[in-house]
Amino acid sequence: MSIQNVLRMGHPILQQLARPVRDASAPEIQQLIHDLRDTMRAHHGAGLAAPQIGQSVQVVIYGTGAPNPRYPEAPTIAETILMNPSLEPIGTETESGWEGCLSVPGLRGEVRRWKRLRIQALDSRGQELERVLEGFEARVVQHECDHLNGILFPQKLTSNQRFGYIEELITSGQIPAVPG
């Protein structure tokens, strides 16, 4: 296992545009995928982007194929690797939802995202992948792909009034308590 340190808000790499993957089969890209997987699972993340572990390259992982203790109400999502992803909204419908981030520990905020979108990317073997996503999975992909563009979720808040420390938001009844 190769669990990496997760960079936190304020680190310059998190503010950069990530460069595209040139060769999906390159050993350093395959090692990066393993590092992302190990780090995401160790921290119970819904997803993780390469810039969060210090690699400014367009690689995202999300889903583990198992329930996530940080998001107990969320559906189980199969592990998915996206390289050089592009997103296209389907329709105009958006929805607001609470988000957290391993790079913004202890905080949650409400963010408006596209409800449905089409993604195109390369998978872990460099094969073309195209999917239509909606709901929580669409939200996770948009959040992770924002990292590839140097954007963290606090930059997309619906309102500064809907942002705060998890404990305070739970105490005030704005978000449900997370078990365990």
N, C-alpha and C. Protein backbone atom coordinates (compact mmCIF):
# COMPACT_ATOMS: atom_id res chain seq x y z
N MET A 1 0.83 -1.19 0.00
CA MET A 1 0.00 0.00 0.00
C MET A 1 0.87 1.24 0.00
N SER A 2 0.39 2.26 -0.71
CA SER A 2 1.14 3.50 -0.76
C SER A 2 0.19 4.67 -0.50
N ILE A 3 -0.09 4.89 0.76
CA ILE A 3 -0.98 5.98 1.15
C ILE A 3 -0.17 7.27 1.14
N GLN A 4 -0.67 8.24 0.41
CA GLN A 4 0.01 9.53 0.26
C GLN A 4 -0.61 10.58 1.18
N ASN A 5 0.14 11.63 1.46
CA ASN A 5 -0.41 12.77 2.18
C ASN A 5 -1.37 13.50 1.26
N VAL A 6 -2.49 13.96 1.81
CA VAL A 6 -3.46 14.73 1.04
C VAL A 6 -3.16 16.21 1.26
N LEU A 7 -2.93 16.92 0.16
CA LEU A 7 -2.67 18.36 0.25
C LEU A 7 -3.93 19.08 0.71
N ARG A 8 -3.74 20.17 1.45
CA ARG A 8 -4.88 20.92 1.95
C ARG A 8 -5.01 22.26 1.24
N MET A 9 -6.23 22.80 1.33
CA MET A 9 -6.55 24.09 0.73
C MET A 9 -5.46 25.10 1.06
N GLY A 10 -5.00 25.80 0.04
CA GLY A 10 -3.93 26.76 0.19
C GLY A 10 -2.64 26.31 -0.48
N HIS A 11 -2.50 24.99 -0.70
CA HIS A 11 -1.30 24.48 -1.38
C HIS A 11 -1.36 24.89 -2.85
N PRO A 12 -0.26 25.41 -3.41
CA PRO A 12 -0.28 25.90 -4.79
C PRO A 12 -0.66 24.86 -5.85
N ILE A 13 -0.33 23.59 -5.64
CA ILE A 13 -0.68 22.57 -6.64
C ILE A 13 -2.19 22.47 -6.79
N LEU A 14 -2.94 22.71 -5.71
CA LEU A 14 -4.40 22.62 -5.78
C LEU A 14 -5.01 23.78 -6.54
N GLN A 15 -4.20 24.77 -6.89
CA GLN A 15 -4.69 25.95 -7.61
C GLN A 15 -4.28 25.93 -9.09
N GLN A 16 -3.61 24.87 -9.52
CA GLN A 16 -3.10 24.79 -10.89
C GLN A 16 -4.03 24.00 -11.81
N LEU A 17 -3.90 24.27 -13.11
CA LEU A 17 -4.53 23.41 -14.12
C LEU A 17 -3.65 22.18 -14.26
N ALA A 18 -4.24 21.01 -14.13
CA ALA A 18 -3.48 19.76 -14.26
C ALA A 18 -3.20 19.48 -15.74
N ARG A 19 -2.07 18.87 -16.00
CA ARG A 19 -1.70 18.55 -17.39
C ARG A 19 -2.34 17.22 -17.80
N PRO A 20 -2.62 17.07 -19.09
CA PRO A 20 -3.22 15.81 -19.57
C PRO A 20 -2.24 14.63 -19.45
N VAL A 21 -2.80 13.44 -19.35
CA VAL A 21 -2.02 12.20 -19.37
C VAL A 21 -1.63 11.94 -20.82
N ARG A 22 -0.36 11.69 -21.07
CA ARG A 22 0.10 11.40 -22.44
C ARG A 22 0.09 9.91 -22.73
N ASP A 23 0.47 9.11 -21.73
CA ASP A 23 0.56 7.66 -21.92
C ASP A 23 -0.04 6.96 -20.70
N ALA A 24 -1.26 6.48 -20.86
CA ALA A 24 -1.98 5.85 -19.74
C ALA A 24 -1.25 4.62 -19.21
N SER A 25 -0.46 3.97 -20.04
CA SER A 25 0.22 2.75 -19.61
C SER A 25 1.58 3.01 -18.96
N ALA A 26 2.00 4.26 -18.92
CA ALA A 26 3.30 4.59 -18.32
C ALA A 26 3.34 4.13 -16.86
N PRO A 27 4.46 3.54 -16.44
CA PRO A 27 4.56 3.03 -15.07
C PRO A 27 4.22 4.09 -14.01
N GLU A 28 4.62 5.33 -14.23
CA GLU A 28 4.34 6.36 -13.22
C GLU A 28 2.84 6.68 -13.13
N ILE A 29 2.11 6.53 -14.24
CA ILE A 29 0.65 6.74 -14.22
C ILE A 29 -0.02 5.57 -13.52
N GLN A 30 0.42 4.36 -13.80
CA GLN A 30 -0.16 3.19 -13.14
C GLN A 30 0.13 3.22 -11.63
N GLN A 31 1.32 3.67 -11.25
CA GLN A 31 1.64 3.81 -9.82
C GLN A 31 0.76 4.89 -9.19
N LEU A 32 0.55 5.99 -9.92
CA LEU A 32 -0.31 7.06 -9.43
C LEU A 32 -1.72 6.54 -9.16
N ILE A 33 -2.24 5.71 -10.05
CA ILE A 33 -3.57 5.12 -9.86
C ILE A 33 -3.61 4.30 -8.58
N HIS A 34 -2.59 3.49 -8.34
CA HIS A 34 -2.52 2.69 -7.10
C HIS A 34 -2.46 3.60 -5.87
N ASP A 35 -1.66 4.66 -5.96
CA ASP A 35 -1.54 5.59 -4.84
C ASP A 35 -2.87 6.29 -4.56
N LEU A 36 -3.56 6.70 -5.63
CA LEU A 36 -4.87 7.34 -5.47
C LEU A 36 -5.86 6.38 -4.80
N ARG A 37 -5.88 5.14 -5.28
CA ARG A 37 -6.79 4.13 -4.71
C ARG A 37 -6.51 3.93 -3.22
N ASP A 38 -5.25 3.69 -2.88
CA ASP A 38 -4.89 3.42 -1.49
C ASP A 38 -5.20 4.61 -0.60
N THR A 39 -4.92 5.80 -1.08
CA THR A 39 -5.14 7.01 -0.29
C THR A 39 -6.62 7.29 -0.12
N MET A 40 -7.40 7.17 -1.20
CA MET A 40 -8.84 7.40 -1.12
C MET A 40 -9.49 6.43 -0.13
N ARG A 41 -9.13 5.17 -0.23
CA ARG A 41 -9.73 4.16 0.67
C ARG A 41 -9.31 4.39 2.12
N ALA A 42 -8.06 4.73 2.34
CA ALA A 42 -7.57 4.94 3.71
C ALA A 42 -8.30 6.10 4.40
N HIS A 43 -8.70 7.09 3.61
CA HIS A 43 -9.37 8.28 4.16
C HIS A 43 -10.89 8.24 3.96
N HIS A 44 -11.41 7.13 3.44
CA HIS A 44 -12.85 6.97 3.19
C HIS A 44 -13.39 8.08 2.29
N GLY A 45 -12.62 8.44 1.28
CA GLY A 45 -13.07 9.46 0.34
C GLY A 45 -14.07 8.90 -0.65
N ALA A 46 -14.95 9.76 -1.15
CA ALA A 46 -15.86 9.37 -2.23
C ALA A 46 -15.11 9.38 -3.56
N GLY A 47 -14.06 10.18 -3.61
CA GLY A 47 -13.23 10.29 -4.80
C GLY A 47 -11.94 11.01 -4.43
N LEU A 48 -11.01 11.04 -5.37
CA LEU A 48 -9.73 11.71 -5.15
C LEU A 48 -9.13 12.05 -6.50
N ALA A 49 -8.54 13.22 -6.60
CA ALA A 49 -7.90 13.66 -7.83
C ALA A 49 -6.39 13.74 -7.61
N ALA A 50 -5.63 13.48 -8.67
CA ALA A 50 -4.17 13.46 -8.57
C ALA A 50 -3.58 14.71 -7.93
N PRO A 51 -4.07 15.92 -8.25
CA PRO A 51 -3.49 17.09 -7.59
C PRO A 51 -3.57 17.05 -6.06
N GLN A 52 -4.55 16.34 -5.52
CA GLN A 52 -4.70 16.27 -4.07
C GLN A 52 -3.56 15.51 -3.40
N ILE A 53 -2.85 14.69 -4.18
CA ILE A 53 -1.68 14.00 -3.61
C ILE A 53 -0.39 14.51 -4.26
N GLY A 54 -0.47 15.73 -4.79
CA GLY A 54 0.74 16.41 -5.26
C GLY A 54 1.14 16.15 -6.69
N GLN A 55 0.28 15.51 -7.49
CA GLN A 55 0.59 15.22 -8.88
C GLN A 55 -0.35 16.01 -9.78
N SER A 56 0.17 17.02 -10.44
CA SER A 56 -0.67 17.89 -11.26
C SER A 56 -0.89 17.28 -12.65
N VAL A 57 -1.66 16.20 -12.66
CA VAL A 57 -1.97 15.47 -13.89
C VAL A 57 -3.45 15.09 -13.84
N GLN A 58 -4.08 14.97 -15.01
CA GLN A 58 -5.52 14.75 -15.09
C GLN A 58 -5.91 13.29 -14.86
N VAL A 59 -5.89 12.89 -13.60
CA VAL A 59 -6.32 11.55 -13.20
C VAL A 59 -7.21 11.69 -11.97
N VAL A 60 -8.36 11.00 -12.03
CA VAL A 60 -9.34 11.01 -10.96
C VAL A 60 -9.74 9.57 -10.67
N ILE A 61 -9.98 9.26 -9.40
CA ILE A 61 -10.57 7.99 -9.02
C ILE A 61 -11.79 8.30 -8.16
N TYR A 62 -12.83 7.49 -8.31
CA TYR A 62 -13.98 7.63 -7.42
C TYR A 62 -14.67 6.29 -7.30
N GLY A 63 -15.41 6.13 -6.20
CA GLY A 63 -16.12 4.88 -5.94
C GLY A 63 -15.19 3.79 -5.45
N THR A 64 -15.74 2.92 -4.59
CA THR A 64 -14.96 1.79 -4.08
C THR A 64 -15.69 0.47 -4.25
N GLY A 65 -16.94 0.53 -4.68
CA GLY A 65 -17.74 -0.69 -4.78
C GLY A 65 -18.28 -1.14 -3.43
N ALA A 66 -18.12 -0.31 -2.41
CA ALA A 66 -18.60 -0.63 -1.06
C ALA A 66 -19.23 0.63 -0.45
N PRO A 67 -20.09 0.46 0.55
CA PRO A 67 -20.65 1.64 1.22
C PRO A 67 -19.55 2.51 1.82
N ASN A 68 -19.77 3.82 1.83
CA ASN A 68 -18.78 4.76 2.34
C ASN A 68 -19.27 5.32 3.68
N PRO A 69 -18.50 5.12 4.76
CA PRO A 69 -18.95 5.60 6.07
C PRO A 69 -19.09 7.12 6.16
N ARG A 70 -18.39 7.86 5.32
CA ARG A 70 -18.53 9.32 5.34
C ARG A 70 -19.81 9.78 4.64
N TYR A 71 -20.37 8.92 3.79
CA TYR A 71 -21.59 9.26 3.03
C TYR A 71 -22.56 8.09 3.11
N PRO A 72 -23.11 7.81 4.31
CA PRO A 72 -23.92 6.61 4.50
C PRO A 72 -25.20 6.58 3.67
N GLU A 73 -25.71 7.72 3.28
CA GLU A 73 -26.95 7.78 2.50
C GLU A 73 -26.69 7.62 1.00
N ALA A 74 -25.43 7.70 0.59
CA ALA A 74 -25.09 7.67 -0.83
C ALA A 74 -25.14 6.25 -1.39
N PRO A 75 -25.48 6.13 -2.66
CA PRO A 75 -25.46 4.80 -3.28
C PRO A 75 -24.02 4.29 -3.40
N THR A 76 -23.88 2.98 -3.46
CA THR A 76 -22.57 2.37 -3.69
C THR A 76 -22.21 2.56 -5.15
N ILE A 77 -20.98 3.00 -5.40
CA ILE A 77 -20.51 3.28 -6.75
C ILE A 77 -19.28 2.41 -7.02
N ALA A 78 -19.26 1.78 -8.18
CA ALA A 78 -18.10 0.97 -8.58
C ALA A 78 -16.87 1.86 -8.74
N GLU A 79 -15.71 1.30 -8.42
CA GLU A 79 -14.47 2.06 -8.61
C GLU A 79 -14.31 2.43 -10.08
N THR A 80 -14.00 3.68 -10.31
CA THR A 80 -13.84 4.19 -11.67
C THR A 80 -12.62 5.10 -11.73
N ILE A 81 -11.82 4.92 -12.76
CA ILE A 81 -10.66 5.78 -13.03
C ILE A 81 -10.99 6.61 -14.26
N LEU A 82 -10.72 7.90 -14.18
CA LEU A 82 -10.90 8.80 -15.32
C LEU A 82 -9.59 9.53 -15.57
N MET A 83 -9.12 9.46 -16.81
CA MET A 83 -7.96 10.23 -17.22
C MET A 83 -8.39 11.17 -18.34
N ASN A 84 -7.91 12.40 -18.28
CA ASN A 84 -8.25 13.43 -19.27
C ASN A 84 -9.76 13.55 -19.46
N PRO A 85 -10.52 13.67 -18.38
CA PRO A 85 -11.98 13.69 -18.51
C PRO A 85 -12.51 15.00 -19.09
N SER A 86 -13.61 14.87 -19.82
CA SER A 86 -14.38 16.04 -20.24
C SER A 86 -15.82 15.79 -19.83
N LEU A 87 -16.48 16.85 -19.38
CA LEU A 87 -17.85 16.77 -18.88
C LEU A 87 -18.75 17.64 -19.73
N GLU A 88 -19.95 17.13 -19.99
CA GLU A 88 -20.94 17.89 -20.74
C GLU A 88 -22.28 17.75 -20.03
N PRO A 89 -22.85 18.87 -19.55
CA PRO A 89 -24.15 18.79 -18.89
C PRO A 89 -25.22 18.29 -19.86
N ILE A 90 -26.16 17.52 -19.35
CA ILE A 90 -27.32 17.09 -20.13
C ILE A 90 -28.51 17.84 -19.56
N GLY A 91 -29.07 18.71 -20.36
CA GLY A 91 -30.19 19.53 -19.90
C GLY A 91 -29.70 20.69 -19.06
N THR A 92 -30.65 21.34 -18.40
CA THR A 92 -30.32 22.53 -17.61
C THR A 92 -30.57 22.34 -16.12
N GLU A 93 -31.03 21.16 -15.73
CA GLU A 93 -31.40 20.93 -14.33
C GLU A 93 -30.17 20.81 -13.44
N THR A 94 -30.20 21.55 -12.34
CA THR A 94 -29.14 21.48 -11.34
C THR A 94 -29.77 21.13 -9.99
N GLU A 95 -28.92 20.75 -9.05
CA GLU A 95 -29.40 20.50 -7.69
C GLU A 95 -28.31 20.89 -6.71
N SER A 96 -28.74 21.33 -5.55
CA SER A 96 -27.80 21.69 -4.48
C SER A 96 -27.59 20.50 -3.57
N GLY A 97 -26.39 20.39 -3.05
CA GLY A 97 -26.08 19.31 -2.11
C GLY A 97 -24.87 19.68 -1.28
N TRP A 98 -24.77 19.04 -0.12
CA TRP A 98 -23.64 19.28 0.78
C TRP A 98 -22.43 18.49 0.30
N GLU A 99 -21.27 19.13 0.32
CA GLU A 99 -20.03 18.48 -0.09
C GLU A 99 -18.96 18.69 0.97
N GLY A 100 -18.07 17.73 1.01
CA GLY A 100 -16.86 17.82 1.82
C GLY A 100 -15.69 17.48 0.92
N CYS A 101 -14.50 17.58 1.45
CA CYS A 101 -13.32 17.32 0.63
C CYS A 101 -12.15 16.96 1.54
N LEU A 102 -11.39 15.96 1.14
CA LEU A 102 -10.22 15.57 1.92
C LEU A 102 -9.19 16.70 1.98
N SER A 103 -9.22 17.62 1.01
CA SER A 103 -8.30 18.76 1.00
C SER A 103 -8.84 19.95 1.79
N VAL A 104 -10.07 19.84 2.27
CA VAL A 104 -10.70 20.89 3.08
C VAL A 104 -11.27 20.19 4.32
N PRO A 105 -10.39 19.62 5.16
CA PRO A 105 -10.86 18.75 6.25
C PRO A 105 -11.71 19.47 7.28
N GLY A 106 -12.75 18.75 7.73
CA GLY A 106 -13.59 19.25 8.80
C GLY A 106 -14.68 20.23 8.39
N LEU A 107 -14.74 20.57 7.11
CA LEU A 107 -15.71 21.55 6.62
C LEU A 107 -16.64 20.93 5.60
N ARG A 108 -17.86 21.45 5.54
CA ARG A 108 -18.83 21.06 4.51
C ARG A 108 -19.47 22.33 3.99
N GLY A 109 -19.93 22.26 2.75
CA GLY A 109 -20.62 23.40 2.16
C GLY A 109 -21.61 22.94 1.12
N GLU A 110 -22.61 23.78 0.87
CA GLU A 110 -23.63 23.45 -0.12
C GLU A 110 -23.20 24.01 -1.48
N VAL A 111 -23.23 23.13 -2.48
CA VAL A 111 -22.78 23.47 -3.83
C VAL A 111 -23.86 23.04 -4.81
N ARG A 112 -24.11 23.88 -5.81
CA ARG A 112 -25.06 23.55 -6.88
C ARG A 112 -24.27 22.90 -8.02
N ARG A 113 -24.77 21.75 -8.49
CA ARG A 113 -24.11 20.99 -9.57
C ARG A 113 -25.14 20.58 -10.61
N TRP A 114 -24.64 20.26 -11.81
CA TRP A 114 -25.50 19.68 -12.84
C TRP A 114 -26.05 18.36 -12.32
N LYS A 115 -27.31 18.10 -12.58
CA LYS A 115 -27.93 16.85 -12.12
C LYS A 115 -27.53 15.67 -13.00
N ARG A 116 -27.44 15.92 -14.31
CA ARG A 116 -27.06 14.85 -15.26
C ARG A 116 -25.94 15.37 -16.15
N LEU A 117 -25.02 14.47 -16.49
CA LEU A 117 -23.95 14.86 -17.40
C LEU A 117 -23.39 13.65 -18.12
N ARG A 118 -22.75 13.94 -19.22
CA ARG A 118 -22.05 12.93 -20.02
C ARG A 118 -20.55 13.14 -19.78
N ILE A 119 -19.87 12.05 -19.47
CA ILE A 119 -18.42 12.13 -19.32
C ILE A 119 -17.75 11.34 -20.43
N GLN A 120 -16.64 11.85 -20.88
CA GLN A 120 -15.75 11.13 -21.79
C GLN A 120 -14.37 11.19 -21.17
N ALA A 121 -13.68 10.07 -21.17
CA ALA A 121 -12.36 9.99 -20.54
C ALA A 121 -11.66 8.73 -21.03
N LEU A 122 -10.46 8.55 -20.54
CA LEU A 122 -9.74 7.29 -20.71
C LEU A 122 -9.84 6.55 -19.38
N ASP A 123 -9.96 5.22 -19.45
CA ASP A 123 -9.98 4.42 -18.22
C ASP A 123 -8.55 4.06 -17.82
N SER A 124 -8.40 3.20 -16.84
CA SER A 124 -7.07 2.86 -16.32
C SER A 124 -6.18 2.15 -17.34
N ARG A 125 -6.77 1.60 -18.39
CA ARG A 125 -5.99 0.93 -19.45
C ARG A 125 -5.79 1.83 -20.66
N GLY A 126 -6.29 3.06 -20.58
CA GLY A 126 -6.17 3.97 -21.70
C GLY A 126 -7.26 3.80 -22.74
N GLN A 127 -8.29 3.01 -22.42
CA GLN A 127 -9.41 2.80 -23.34
C GLN A 127 -10.43 3.93 -23.17
N GLU A 128 -11.06 4.31 -24.28
CA GLU A 128 -12.06 5.37 -24.22
C GLU A 128 -13.26 4.90 -23.42
N LEU A 129 -13.77 5.80 -22.61
CA LEU A 129 -14.91 5.52 -21.75
C LEU A 129 -15.90 6.68 -21.93
N GLU A 130 -17.17 6.35 -22.07
CA GLU A 130 -18.21 7.37 -22.13
C GLU A 130 -19.39 6.89 -21.31
N ARG A 131 -19.89 7.75 -20.44
CA ARG A 131 -21.02 7.39 -19.58
C ARG A 131 -21.92 8.60 -19.37
N VAL A 132 -23.16 8.29 -19.07
CA VAL A 132 -24.10 9.30 -18.60
C VAL A 132 -24.28 9.07 -17.10
N LEU A 133 -24.09 10.12 -16.32
CA LEU A 133 -24.16 10.03 -14.87
C LEU A 133 -25.23 10.97 -14.35
N GLU A 134 -25.78 10.62 -13.18
CA GLU A 134 -26.73 11.53 -12.54
C GLU A 134 -26.65 11.38 -11.03
N GLY A 135 -27.23 12.34 -10.34
CA GLY A 135 -27.31 12.29 -8.88
C GLY A 135 -25.95 12.37 -8.21
N PHE A 136 -25.78 11.55 -7.17
CA PHE A 136 -24.57 11.60 -6.36
C PHE A 136 -23.31 11.32 -7.19
N GLU A 137 -23.38 10.34 -8.09
CA GLU A 137 -22.20 10.02 -8.90
C GLU A 137 -21.81 11.21 -9.78
N ALA A 138 -22.79 11.88 -10.37
CA ALA A 138 -22.51 13.07 -11.18
C ALA A 138 -21.87 14.16 -10.31
N ARG A 139 -22.37 14.32 -9.09
CA ARG A 139 -21.82 15.32 -8.17
C ARG A 139 -20.36 15.01 -7.85
N VAL A 140 -20.06 13.75 -7.53
CA VAL A 140 -18.69 13.37 -7.18
C VAL A 140 -17.75 13.64 -8.35
N VAL A 141 -18.15 13.26 -9.56
CA VAL A 141 -17.30 13.46 -10.73
C VAL A 141 -17.05 14.95 -10.97
N GLN A 142 -18.08 15.77 -10.86
CA GLN A 142 -17.89 17.21 -11.05
C GLN A 142 -16.93 17.77 -10.01
N HIS A 143 -17.09 17.35 -8.76
CA HIS A 143 -16.22 17.80 -7.67
C HIS A 143 -14.76 17.42 -7.95
N GLU A 144 -14.54 16.15 -8.31
CA GLU A 144 -13.17 15.69 -8.55
C GLU A 144 -12.56 16.35 -9.78
N CYS A 145 -13.35 16.52 -10.83
CA CYS A 145 -12.83 17.17 -12.03
C CYS A 145 -12.53 18.65 -11.80
N ASP A 146 -13.25 19.29 -10.86
CA ASP A 146 -12.89 20.66 -10.49
C ASP A 146 -11.45 20.73 -10.01
N HIS A 147 -11.00 19.70 -9.27
CA HIS A 147 -9.61 19.69 -8.80
C HIS A 147 -8.63 19.77 -9.96
N LEU A 148 -8.97 19.19 -11.09
CA LEU A 148 -8.08 19.22 -12.26
C LEU A 148 -7.98 20.61 -12.86
N ASN A 149 -8.93 21.47 -12.49
CA ASN A 149 -8.95 22.85 -12.98
C ASN A 149 -8.57 23.85 -11.89
N GLY A 150 -7.99 23.35 -10.80
CA GLY A 150 -7.53 24.23 -9.73
C GLY A 150 -8.65 24.83 -8.90
N ILE A 151 -9.80 24.15 -8.83
CA ILE A 151 -10.96 24.66 -8.11
C ILE A 151 -11.30 23.74 -6.94
N LEU A 152 -11.51 24.33 -5.78
CA LEU A 152 -11.98 23.60 -4.60
C LEU A 152 -13.43 23.99 -4.33
N PHE A 153 -14.19 23.09 -3.69
CA PHE A 153 -15.62 23.32 -3.54
C PHE A 153 -15.99 24.63 -2.84
N PRO A 154 -15.18 25.18 -1.89
CA PRO A 154 -15.59 26.45 -1.30
C PRO A 154 -15.69 27.60 -2.32
N GLN A 155 -15.04 27.46 -3.46
CA GLN A 155 -15.13 28.47 -4.50
C GLN A 155 -16.46 28.40 -5.25
N LYS A 156 -17.26 27.36 -5.00
CA LYS A 156 -18.52 27.16 -5.71
C LYS A 156 -19.73 27.14 -4.78
N LEU A 157 -19.59 27.63 -3.58
CA LEU A 157 -20.67 27.60 -2.60
C LEU A 157 -21.91 28.34 -3.11
N THR A 158 -23.09 27.80 -2.76
CA THR A 158 -24.33 28.50 -3.10
C THR A 158 -24.47 29.75 -2.23
N SER A 159 -23.93 29.69 -1.02
CA SER A 159 -23.99 30.82 -0.09
C SER A 159 -22.97 30.59 1.01
N ASN A 160 -22.34 31.66 1.45
CA ASN A 160 -21.41 31.53 2.58
C ASN A 160 -22.14 31.12 3.85
N GLN A 161 -23.46 31.32 3.89
CA GLN A 161 -24.26 30.91 5.04
C GLN A 161 -24.42 29.39 5.09
N ARG A 162 -24.10 28.71 4.00
CA ARG A 162 -24.27 27.26 3.91
C ARG A 162 -22.89 26.59 3.86
N PHE A 163 -21.99 27.01 4.73
CA PHE A 163 -20.61 26.53 4.78
C PHE A 163 -20.14 26.59 6.22
N GLY A 164 -19.52 25.51 6.69
CA GLY A 164 -19.02 25.56 8.05
C GLY A 164 -18.39 24.26 8.49
N TYR A 165 -18.00 24.24 9.76
CA TYR A 165 -17.42 23.04 10.34
C TYR A 165 -18.50 21.98 10.52
N ILE A 166 -18.15 20.75 10.22
CA ILE A 166 -19.11 19.65 10.26
C ILE A 166 -19.83 19.59 11.60
N GLU A 167 -19.09 19.68 12.71
CA GLU A 167 -19.72 19.58 14.04
C GLU A 167 -20.77 20.66 14.25
N GLU A 168 -20.48 21.88 13.81
CA GLU A 168 -21.42 22.99 13.97
C GLU A 168 -22.65 22.79 13.10
N LEU A 169 -22.45 22.29 11.89
CA LEU A 169 -23.57 22.06 10.98
C LEU A 169 -24.48 20.95 11.51
N ILE A 170 -23.88 19.93 12.13
CA ILE A 170 -24.67 18.84 12.74
C ILE A 170 -25.45 19.39 13.93
N THR A 171 -24.76 20.11 14.80
CA THR A 171 -25.39 20.66 16.01
C THR A 171 -26.57 21.57 15.66
N SER A 172 -26.42 22.35 14.59
CA SER A 172 -27.48 23.28 14.19
C SER A 172 -28.56 22.61 13.35
N GLY A 173 -28.38 21.31 13.06
CA GLY A 173 -29.39 20.56 12.32
C GLY A 173 -29.37 20.78 10.82
N GLN A 174 -28.32 21.40 10.30
CA GLN A 174 -28.24 21.64 8.85
C GLN A 174 -27.86 20.40 8.07
N ILE A 175 -27.05 19.54 8.68
CA ILE A 175 -26.69 18.27 8.06
C ILE A 175 -26.88 17.16 9.09
N PRO A 176 -27.16 15.93 8.62
CA PRO A 176 -27.33 14.82 9.58
C PRO A 176 -25.99 14.38 10.15
N ALA A 177 -26.03 13.82 11.33
CA ALA A 177 -24.83 13.25 11.95
C ALA A 177 -24.39 12.04 11.15
N VAL A 178 -23.09 11.90 10.98
CA VAL A 178 -22.52 10.74 10.29
C VAL A 178 -22.23 9.67 11.33
N PRO A 179 -22.72 8.44 11.13
CA PRO A 179 -22.48 7.38 12.11
C PRO A 179 -21.00 7.10 12.32
N GLY A 180 -20.67 6.65 13.52
CA GLY A 180 -19.32 6.18 13.83
C GLY A 180 -18.37 7.27 14.05
